[in-house]
Amino acid sequence: MRADLRVYRNAGGRLPATDTEIANYLSQQNALGKKPATLDRYANSLHMWHRYMNFPSPVQSMAVRSVLRGIKRTRDMRQDSAPALRLKELHLLLDSLDQDTLHGLRDAAMFALSFYGAFRRSEVVAIGVEDVDWRPEGIVIMLRHSKTNKSGRIETKSLMRAPTGAPYCSVSLLERWLAASGITKGACFRGISSRGRLGAGRMSAQTLYVRMRKALVSAGLHSQGYTPHSFRAGFITEAHLRGKTDTQIKRLSGHRDQKSFERYIRIADEFENNPGDFFSLNPVSLE
């Protein structure tokens, strides 16, 4: 909220504000190319400030609501989305890494966890050794903070150990990385110097992005537009197309809003799982 209020003040806004001032501010920000979702957030931050300071909120006025509705009508509401990195592409990415090196093994564990845990990049780099509960079936990772959980409410993600013979297992890769690096406490994923020296603090989310881009080039996938968020979208899409229920997937992804969840399901092939794949007069037997 503070950052949004700073944008408002830098634009010449004053607090408390009138409905006309906020409506004009949102129109100006729209003209600057701000996305509708960003404008909604700006409006909500201004609303919360007025409520907190015991002022009537001008954001709820007809003038402000009309401006927001008009912006949404006149702009394409489809936000730019990271393409889903599906299981096949994940394997290509992991195949491109030299897992005999610390860099390669760390990246493999990090990418596999990002996919199978449907993690945001800020979440995966924040995982500590103390957050991982090892079970015979796999691991349970405790999340202390996330994009949708600012209060510190404890959330968990359960990742299964792959059966013997599976090409890649996120649990086994994490085991191998921790054993090879010697990390026994603190951040699981850390920077590594050119001499192979392990950093003390956790890796930044931006470094994860840089490492992913380098791996995408090696795997020949750099032109596909993948970002770290593609792991999350890829897992949700893959699980959906493999028949997992929304409840099962949301238990791992942490989604609470169904509309937000459905935006993650991205089918790369327009004919994949097509509902119009029946051509016979006879229904398919379920036996």
Protein backbone atom coordinates (compact mmCIF):
# COMPACT_ATOMS: atom_id res chain seq x y z
CA MET A 1 0.00 0.00 0.00
CA ARG A 2 2.82 2.43 0.83
CA ALA A 3 4.34 2.07 -2.63
CA ASP A 4 0.97 2.79 -4.26
CA LEU A 5 0.45 5.87 -2.09
CA ARG A 6 3.94 7.05 -3.03
CA VAL A 7 3.00 6.84 -6.73
CA TYR A 8 -0.12 8.86 -6.01
CA ARG A 9 1.76 11.58 -4.13
CA ASN A 10 4.52 11.71 -6.77
CA ALA A 11 1.79 12.37 -9.33
CA GLY A 12 0.73 15.44 -7.33
CA GLY A 13 -2.09 13.80 -5.40
CA ARG A 14 -3.11 14.97 -1.96
CA LEU A 15 -4.65 13.13 0.97
CA PRO A 16 -7.42 13.04 1.93
CA ALA A 17 -8.69 13.16 -1.64
CA THR A 18 -11.96 13.87 -3.36
CA ASP A 19 -13.65 11.49 -5.76
CA THR A 20 -12.84 13.82 -8.66
CA GLU A 21 -9.15 13.89 -7.76
CA ILE A 22 -8.94 10.11 -7.62
CA ALA A 23 -10.93 9.67 -10.83
CA ASN A 24 -8.61 12.08 -12.64
CA TYR A 25 -5.54 10.35 -11.17
CA LEU A 26 -6.69 6.92 -12.37
CA SER A 27 -7.43 8.33 -15.84
CA GLN A 28 -3.92 9.84 -15.99
CA GLN A 29 -2.32 6.56 -14.93
CA ASN A 30 -4.36 4.73 -17.55
CA ALA A 31 -3.05 7.14 -20.18
CA LEU A 32 0.48 6.28 -19.05
CA GLY A 33 -0.20 2.64 -19.92
CA LYS A 34 -0.80 1.19 -16.45
CA LYS A 35 -2.66 -2.11 -16.55
CA PRO A 36 -6.26 -2.32 -15.30
CA ALA A 37 -5.19 -4.65 -12.49
CA THR A 38 -2.61 -2.07 -11.37
CA LEU A 39 -5.23 0.68 -11.41
CA ASP A 40 -7.54 -1.50 -9.31
CA ARG A 41 -4.72 -1.93 -6.81
CA TYR A 42 -4.06 1.83 -6.73
CA ALA A 43 -7.74 2.46 -6.06
CA ASN A 44 -7.85 -0.15 -3.31
CA SER A 45 -4.78 1.31 -1.59
CA LEU A 46 -6.37 4.77 -1.59
CA HIS A 47 -9.59 3.26 -0.25
CA MET A 48 -7.73 1.51 2.58
CA TRP A 49 -5.85 4.71 3.51
CA HIS A 50 -9.08 6.67 3.86
CA ARG A 51 -10.71 3.89 5.90
CA TYR A 52 -7.66 3.59 8.16
CA MET A 53 -7.62 7.35 8.75
CA ASN A 54 -11.39 7.35 9.47
CA PHE A 55 -12.25 9.39 6.38
CA PRO A 56 -15.13 8.45 4.07
CA SER A 57 -13.70 6.64 1.08
CA PRO A 58 -14.13 8.54 -2.20
CA VAL A 59 -13.10 5.38 -4.06
CA GLN A 60 -16.57 3.95 -3.52
CA SER A 61 -18.20 6.91 -5.24
CA MET A 62 -20.00 6.58 -8.55
CA ALA A 63 -17.42 8.85 -10.24
CA VAL A 64 -14.46 6.60 -9.42
CA ARG A 65 -16.29 3.36 -10.11
CA SER A 66 -17.48 4.68 -13.47
CA VAL A 67 -13.92 5.60 -14.47
CA LEU A 68 -12.65 2.11 -13.56
CA ARG A 69 -15.48 0.43 -15.47
CA GLY A 70 -14.84 2.62 -18.49
CA ILE A 71 -11.12 1.78 -18.48
CA LYS A 72 -11.88 -1.95 -18.35
CA ARG A 73 -14.36 -1.66 -21.22
CA THR A 74 -11.99 0.24 -23.50
CA ARG A 75 -8.87 -1.83 -22.87
CA ASP A 76 -8.05 -5.40 -23.61
CA MET A 77 -8.41 -7.13 -20.25
CA ARG A 78 -6.25 -10.09 -21.20
CA GLN A 79 -3.10 -9.53 -19.20
CA ASP A 80 0.23 -10.67 -20.57
CA SER A 81 0.76 -14.17 -19.22
CA ALA A 82 3.87 -16.28 -19.01
CA PRO A 83 3.42 -19.33 -21.26
CA ALA A 84 3.08 -22.66 -19.50
CA LEU A 85 6.29 -24.68 -19.38
CA ARG A 86 4.92 -28.22 -19.67
CA LEU A 87 6.50 -31.47 -18.44
CA LYS A 88 8.18 -32.20 -21.78
CA GLU A 89 9.89 -28.80 -21.75
CA LEU A 90 10.85 -29.24 -18.10
CA HIS A 91 12.68 -32.45 -19.00
CA LEU A 92 14.46 -30.68 -21.88
CA LEU A 93 15.49 -27.93 -19.48
CA LEU A 94 16.80 -30.38 -16.88
CA ASP A 95 18.56 -32.44 -19.57
CA SER A 96 20.54 -29.33 -20.57
CA LEU A 97 22.08 -28.94 -17.09
CA ASP A 98 25.37 -30.50 -16.05
CA GLN A 99 24.29 -32.03 -12.77
CA ASP A 100 27.85 -33.09 -11.99
CA THR A 101 28.53 -29.44 -11.11
CA LEU A 102 27.18 -27.48 -8.15
CA HIS A 103 25.63 -24.89 -10.44
CA GLY A 104 23.85 -27.50 -12.53
CA LEU A 105 22.63 -29.60 -9.61
CA ARG A 106 21.35 -26.56 -7.73
CA ASP A 107 19.50 -25.26 -10.79
CA ALA A 108 18.00 -28.69 -11.51
CA ALA A 109 16.66 -28.99 -7.94
CA MET A 110 15.38 -25.41 -8.01
CA PHE A 111 13.61 -25.76 -11.38
CA ALA A 112 12.05 -29.12 -10.50
CA LEU A 113 10.77 -27.77 -7.18
CA SER A 114 9.41 -24.66 -8.90
CA PHE A 115 7.39 -26.88 -11.22
CA TYR A 116 6.17 -29.65 -8.90
CA GLY A 117 5.46 -27.23 -6.06
CA ALA A 118 3.78 -24.65 -8.33
CA PHE A 119 5.97 -22.09 -6.59
CA ARG A 120 6.35 -18.44 -7.36
CA ARG A 121 10.04 -17.56 -7.73
CA SER A 122 10.00 -15.47 -4.55
CA GLU A 123 8.70 -18.51 -2.67
CA VAL A 124 11.16 -21.10 -3.93
CA VAL A 125 14.26 -19.00 -3.12
CA ALA A 126 12.89 -18.42 0.40
CA ILE A 127 12.77 -22.14 1.28
CA GLY A 128 15.02 -23.00 4.21
CA VAL A 129 16.27 -26.39 5.34
CA GLU A 130 14.14 -25.99 8.46
CA ASP A 131 11.04 -25.57 6.28
CA VAL A 132 11.36 -29.06 4.75
CA ASP A 133 9.78 -32.04 6.52
CA TRP A 134 11.10 -35.28 5.07
CA ARG A 135 8.60 -38.15 4.81
CA PRO A 136 8.83 -41.63 3.20
CA GLU A 137 6.29 -40.49 0.58
CA GLY A 138 8.05 -37.22 -0.21
CA ILE A 139 8.44 -33.83 1.46
CA VAL A 140 6.17 -31.25 3.06
CA ILE A 141 7.45 -27.69 2.59
CA MET A 142 6.27 -24.97 4.94
CA LEU A 143 5.61 -21.56 3.41
CA ARG A 144 5.83 -18.69 5.86
CA HIS A 145 4.99 -15.91 3.39
CA SER A 146 3.63 -15.72 -0.15
CA LYS A 147 2.11 -13.18 -2.51
CA THR A 148 -1.37 -13.92 -1.18
CA ASN A 149 -0.28 -14.47 2.43
CA LYS A 150 1.25 -11.38 3.99
CA SER A 151 0.16 -12.20 7.53
CA GLY A 152 2.63 -15.01 8.12
CA ARG A 153 -0.06 -17.69 8.21
CA ILE A 154 1.61 -21.08 7.83
CA GLU A 155 0.91 -22.85 4.54
CA THR A 156 2.30 -26.15 3.33
CA LYS A 157 2.99 -27.83 0.00
CA SER A 158 3.33 -31.61 -0.27
CA LEU A 159 5.59 -32.94 -3.05
CA MET A 160 5.58 -36.63 -3.82
CA ARG A 161 8.70 -38.69 -4.37
CA ALA A 162 8.72 -40.03 -7.94
CA PRO A 163 8.59 -43.81 -8.41
CA THR A 164 11.76 -45.69 -9.21
CA GLY A 165 12.66 -45.29 -12.87
CA ALA A 166 11.14 -41.84 -13.31
CA PRO A 167 13.54 -39.58 -15.26
CA TYR A 168 13.39 -36.77 -12.71
CA CYS A 169 12.23 -36.41 -9.12
CA SER A 170 12.11 -33.02 -7.39
CA VAL A 171 12.52 -34.65 -3.96
CA SER A 172 15.59 -36.66 -5.01
CA LEU A 173 17.14 -33.64 -6.72
CA LEU A 174 16.75 -31.58 -3.54
CA GLU A 175 18.33 -34.41 -1.52
CA ARG A 176 21.27 -34.60 -3.89
CA TRP A 177 21.76 -30.83 -3.90
CA LEU A 178 21.76 -30.51 -0.11
CA ALA A 179 24.18 -33.44 0.22
CA ALA A 180 26.56 -32.11 -2.45
CA SER A 181 26.50 -28.53 -1.13
CA GLY A 182 26.77 -29.51 2.53
CA ILE A 183 23.90 -27.18 3.46
CA THR A 184 22.36 -28.28 6.76
CA LYS A 185 20.59 -25.11 7.87
CA GLY A 186 19.41 -21.81 6.46
CA ALA A 187 18.56 -21.12 2.84
CA CYS A 188 18.40 -24.15 0.55
CA PHE A 189 19.27 -22.20 -2.58
CA ARG A 190 22.29 -19.88 -2.53
CA GLY A 191 24.63 -18.16 -4.91
CA ILE A 192 27.80 -19.93 -6.02
CA SER A 193 30.99 -18.08 -6.95
CA SER A 194 32.99 -18.82 -10.10
CA ARG A 195 35.38 -20.80 -7.87
CA GLY A 196 32.56 -22.93 -6.55
CA ARG A 197 32.30 -21.22 -3.19
CA LEU A 198 28.82 -21.27 -1.67
CA GLY A 199 27.24 -18.00 -0.53
CA ALA A 200 25.94 -17.54 3.00
CA GLY A 201 22.60 -15.92 2.17
CA ARG A 202 19.73 -17.04 0.06
CA MET A 203 19.66 -16.58 -3.70
CA SER A 204 17.64 -13.65 -5.03
CA ALA A 205 14.56 -14.19 -7.18
CA GLN A 206 16.27 -12.25 -9.97
CA THR A 207 19.22 -14.66 -9.96
CA LEU A 208 16.77 -17.55 -10.42
CA TYR A 209 15.45 -15.74 -13.51
CA VAL A 210 19.00 -15.25 -14.86
CA ARG A 211 19.86 -18.92 -14.30
CA MET A 212 16.64 -20.00 -16.00
CA ARG A 213 17.33 -17.84 -19.06
CA LYS A 214 20.79 -19.35 -19.38
CA ALA A 215 19.34 -22.87 -19.16
CA LEU A 216 16.63 -22.03 -21.70
CA VAL A 217 19.32 -21.03 -24.20
CA SER A 218 21.17 -24.32 -23.63
CA ALA A 219 17.92 -26.27 -24.06
CA GLY A 220 16.96 -24.40 -27.25
CA LEU A 221 13.83 -22.99 -25.58
CA HIS A 222 14.87 -19.34 -25.30
CA SER A 223 12.46 -18.15 -28.01
CA GLN A 224 9.34 -19.45 -26.24
CA GLY A 225 9.01 -16.56 -23.79
CA TYR A 226 9.26 -18.68 -20.64
CA THR A 227 9.79 -16.99 -17.28
CA PRO A 228 9.99 -18.45 -13.75
CA HIS A 229 6.21 -18.08 -13.54
CA SER A 230 5.99 -20.57 -16.42
CA PHE A 231 6.84 -23.36 -13.96
CA ARG A 232 3.74 -22.59 -11.91
CA ALA A 233 1.51 -22.20 -14.97
CA GLY A 234 3.00 -25.35 -16.48
CA PHE A 235 2.29 -27.52 -13.46
CA ILE A 236 -1.30 -26.29 -13.18
CA THR A 237 -1.90 -26.81 -16.91
CA GLU A 238 -0.25 -30.25 -16.93
CA ALA A 239 -2.17 -31.44 -13.87
CA HIS A 240 -5.46 -30.17 -15.32
CA LEU A 241 -4.94 -31.94 -18.65
CA ARG A 242 -4.03 -35.15 -16.83
CA GLY A 243 -7.39 -35.21 -15.12
CA LYS A 244 -6.55 -33.84 -11.67
CA THR A 245 -9.46 -32.04 -10.02
CA ASP A 246 -9.41 -28.30 -9.34
CA THR A 247 -9.49 -29.07 -5.61
CA GLN A 248 -6.40 -31.27 -5.87
CA ILE A 249 -4.47 -28.69 -7.87
CA LYS A 250 -5.49 -25.72 -5.72
CA ARG A 251 -4.40 -27.59 -2.61
CA LEU A 252 -0.86 -27.33 -3.97
CA SER A 253 -1.02 -24.05 -5.87
CA GLY A 254 -2.66 -22.22 -2.98
CA HIS A 255 -5.33 -20.54 -5.12
CA ARG A 256 -8.50 -19.46 -3.36
CA ASP A 257 -10.16 -17.60 -6.20
CA GLN A 258 -11.51 -19.83 -8.99
CA LYS A 259 -11.27 -17.18 -11.71
CA SER A 260 -7.65 -16.49 -10.89
CA PHE A 261 -6.96 -20.22 -10.87
CA GLU A 262 -8.56 -20.80 -14.28
CA ARG A 263 -6.37 -18.13 -15.89
CA TYR A 264 -3.39 -20.38 -15.20
CA ILE A 265 -4.70 -23.20 -17.36
CA ARG A 266 -3.03 -22.50 -20.69
CA ILE A 267 -3.41 -24.98 -23.50
CA ALA A 268 -0.60 -24.56 -26.01
CA ASP A 269 -2.28 -26.72 -28.67
CA GLU A 270 -5.75 -25.42 -29.55
CA PHE A 271 -6.86 -28.96 -30.46
CA GLU A 272 -5.59 -30.59 -27.27
CA ASN A 273 -8.37 -31.91 -25.04
CA ASN A 274 -10.90 -30.48 -27.50
CA PRO A 275 -14.54 -31.02 -26.44
CA GLY A 276 -15.61 -31.60 -30.05
CA ASP A 277 -13.66 -34.85 -30.56
CA PHE A 278 -16.72 -37.08 -31.04
CA PHE A 279 -17.82 -38.07 -34.56
CA SER A 280 -19.70 -41.35 -34.19
CA LEU A 281 -23.42 -41.72 -33.50
CA ASN A 282 -22.55 -44.33 -30.93
CA PRO A 283 -21.34 -43.05 -27.56
CA VAL A 284 -17.94 -44.28 -26.43
CA SER A 285 -18.25 -47.26 -24.14
CA LEU A 286 -17.03 -46.72 -20.60
CA GLU A 287 -16.32 -50.41 -20.08
